[in-house]
Structures are given as C-alpha cells and as structure tokens.
Amino acid sequence: MGSNKSKPRKKHGKPVHAQHIPKVGTPAEREQHGERDAVLDNMGLGGASNTTRTVLGIGLVVVVLGGIFGLLLLTVFR
C-alpha cells in the first residue's frame, strides 16, 4: 500500500466503461433472456435441454481445437 502522498496510477489507453448486469426480475433482465432465447431459436436450439446444449458446445470446441491442431501439424510436417 502506498502513502497518501504517492502518485496515482497512470491510465493507459482508452477508458473502459463496464456495463452493469441488470438486477434479477427487472424488465431489462427479462429482455436479455428473451434475446438469448431468440438467438438459440435461430440456431435451432430453442427447445433443446441444457445437457444437449452443453454436449453440442463441447463438441464444437473439440472440432475447432482439432482443426487448429491439424493445421499446425500440416505446417510443421510440410
């Protein structure tokens, strides 16, 4: 801890303005959930259970990481 006579920290770059999450039960929070549900509906996962969403999410991550790893292997063993 510094003393009260120490210089304040310099801020680098643009200031970042954090958006606060709306409180539970407010109209803004309900709207956020509605938008999230609309995105899942557009992707065809509107009625899917949480387990299905989790399995598909993990599968997508595995496919992306496998593609990156495969590209790395192709460039190394060229």
C-alpha atoms as a PDB file:
ATOM      1  CA  MET A   1       0.000   0.000   0.000  1.00  0.00           C
ATOM      2  CA  GLY A   2       1.218   3.468  -0.833  1.00  0.00           C
ATOM      3  CA  SER A   3       1.007   6.522   1.285  1.00  0.00           C
ATOM      4  CA  ASN A   4      -1.495   9.246   0.626  1.00  0.00           C
ATOM      5  CA  LYS A   5       1.333  11.322  -0.912  1.00  0.00           C
ATOM      6  CA  SER A   6       2.145   8.770  -3.621  1.00  0.00           C
ATOM      7  CA  LYS A   7       1.277   9.485  -7.250  1.00  0.00           C
ATOM      8  CA  PRO A   8      -1.960   7.983  -8.606  1.00  0.00           C
ATOM      9  CA  ARG A   9      -1.605   5.266 -11.231  1.00  0.00           C
ATOM     10  CA  LYS A  10      -1.499   6.339 -14.851  1.00  0.00           C
ATOM     11  CA  LYS A  11      -4.318   5.149 -17.056  1.00  0.00           C
ATOM     12  CA  HIS A  12      -3.169   3.671 -20.358  1.00  0.00           C
ATOM     13  CA  GLY A  13      -5.299   3.682 -23.484  1.00  0.00           C
ATOM     14  CA  LYS A  14      -8.975   4.394 -23.701  1.00  0.00           C
ATOM     15  CA  PRO A  15     -11.054   4.221 -20.533  1.00  0.00           C
ATOM     16  CA  VAL A  16     -13.207   1.118 -20.383  1.00  0.00           C
ATOM     17  CA  HIS A  17     -16.777   1.665 -19.298  1.00  0.00           C
ATOM     18  CA  ALA A  18     -18.136  -1.550 -17.845  1.00  0.00           C
ATOM     19  CA  GLN A  19     -21.777  -2.335 -18.367  1.00  0.00           C
ATOM     20  CA  HIS A  20     -23.529  -3.492 -15.262  1.00  0.00           C
ATOM     21  CA  ILE A  21     -25.690  -6.585 -15.343  1.00  0.00           C
ATOM     22  CA  PRO A  22     -29.344  -5.755 -14.689  1.00  0.00           C
ATOM     23  CA  LYS A  23     -30.894  -6.878 -11.419  1.00  0.00           C
ATOM     24  CA  VAL A  24     -32.922 -10.062 -11.380  1.00  0.00           C
ATOM     25  CA  GLY A  25     -36.588  -9.640 -12.240  1.00  0.00           C
ATOM     26  CA  THR A  26     -36.261  -6.250 -13.912  1.00  0.00           C
ATOM     27  CA  PRO A  27     -37.607  -5.686 -17.410  1.00  0.00           C
ATOM     28  CA  ALA A  28     -34.045  -5.260 -18.731  1.00  0.00           C
ATOM     29  CA  GLU A  29     -33.052  -8.660 -17.343  1.00  0.00           C
ATOM     30  CA  ARG A  30     -36.125 -10.313 -18.869  1.00  0.00           C
ATOM     31  CA  GLU A  31     -35.290  -8.680 -22.204  1.00  0.00           C
ATOM     32  CA  GLN A  32     -31.746 -10.074 -22.051  1.00  0.00           C
ATOM     33  CA  HIS A  33     -33.078 -13.582 -21.504  1.00  0.00           C
ATOM     34  CA  GLY A  34     -35.526 -13.088 -24.360  1.00  0.00           C
ATOM     35  CA  GLU A  35     -32.739 -12.038 -26.725  1.00  0.00           C
ATOM     36  CA  ARG A  36     -30.618 -15.025 -25.689  1.00  0.00           C
ATOM     37  CA  ASP A  37     -33.554 -17.366 -26.297  1.00  0.00           C
ATOM     38  CA  ALA A  38     -34.185 -15.770 -29.707  1.00  0.00           C
ATOM     39  CA  VAL A  39     -30.578 -16.404 -30.736  1.00  0.00           C
ATOM     40  CA  LEU A  40     -30.865 -20.056 -29.676  1.00  0.00           C
ATOM     41  CA  ASP A  41     -34.138 -20.351 -31.610  1.00  0.00           C
ATOM     42  CA  ASN A  42     -32.430 -19.033 -34.753  1.00  0.00           C
ATOM     43  CA  MET A  43     -29.674 -21.612 -34.335  1.00  0.00           C
ATOM     44  CA  GLY A  44     -32.251 -24.390 -33.953  1.00  0.00           C
ATOM     45  CA  LEU A  45     -31.578 -24.987 -30.256  1.00  0.00           C
ATOM     46  CA  GLY A  46     -34.623 -23.221 -28.833  1.00  0.00           C
ATOM     47  CA  GLY A  47     -36.236 -26.317 -27.318  1.00  0.00           C
ATOM     48  CA  ALA A  48     -33.012 -28.149 -26.514  1.00  0.00           C
ATOM     49  CA  SER A  49     -32.188 -29.104 -22.944  1.00  0.00           C
ATOM     50  CA  ASN A  50     -29.151 -27.754 -21.105  1.00  0.00           C
ATOM     51  CA  THR A  51     -27.466 -31.144 -21.465  1.00  0.00           C
ATOM     52  CA  THR A  52     -27.888 -31.061 -25.247  1.00  0.00           C
ATOM     53  CA  ARG A  53     -26.535 -27.514 -25.421  1.00  0.00           C
ATOM     54  CA  THR A  54     -23.541 -28.472 -23.271  1.00  0.00           C
ATOM     55  CA  VAL A  55     -22.732 -31.560 -25.344  1.00  0.00           C
ATOM     56  CA  LEU A  56     -23.007 -29.596 -28.608  1.00  0.00           C
ATOM     57  CA  GLY A  57     -20.867 -26.789 -27.175  1.00  0.00           C
ATOM     58  CA  ILE A  58     -18.156 -29.215 -26.082  1.00  0.00           C
ATOM     59  CA  GLY A  59     -18.321 -30.939 -29.468  1.00  0.00           C
ATOM     60  CA  LEU A  60     -17.910 -27.607 -31.255  1.00  0.00           C
ATOM     61  CA  VAL A  61     -14.890 -26.731 -29.108  1.00  0.00           C
ATOM     62  CA  VAL A  62     -13.321 -30.140 -29.831  1.00  0.00           C
ATOM     63  CA  VAL A  63     -13.848 -29.699 -33.588  1.00  0.00           C
ATOM     64  CA  VAL A  64     -12.332 -26.192 -33.583  1.00  0.00           C
ATOM     65  CA  LEU A  65      -9.336 -27.258 -31.493  1.00  0.00           C
ATOM     66  CA  GLY A  66      -8.862 -30.317 -33.715  1.00  0.00           C
ATOM     67  CA  GLY A  67      -8.846 -28.082 -36.791  1.00  0.00           C
ATOM     68  CA  ILE A  68      -6.275 -25.752 -35.262  1.00  0.00           C
ATOM     69  CA  PHE A  69      -4.113 -28.693 -34.175  1.00  0.00           C
ATOM     70  CA  GLY A  70      -4.420 -30.264 -37.625  1.00  0.00           C
ATOM     71  CA  LEU A  71      -3.337 -27.046 -39.339  1.00  0.00           C
ATOM     72  CA  LEU A  72      -0.361 -26.789 -37.006  1.00  0.00           C
ATOM     73  CA  LEU A  73       0.643 -30.359 -37.811  1.00  0.00           C
ATOM     74  CA  LEU A  74       0.358 -29.690 -41.539  1.00  0.00           C
ATOM     75  CA  THR A  75       2.615 -26.661 -41.317  1.00  0.00           C
ATOM     76  CA  VAL A  76       5.195 -28.383 -39.098  1.00  0.00           C
ATOM     77  CA  PHE A  77       5.471 -31.592 -41.165  1.00  0.00           C
ATOM     78  CA  ARG A  78       5.363 -29.910 -44.546  1.00  0.00           C
END
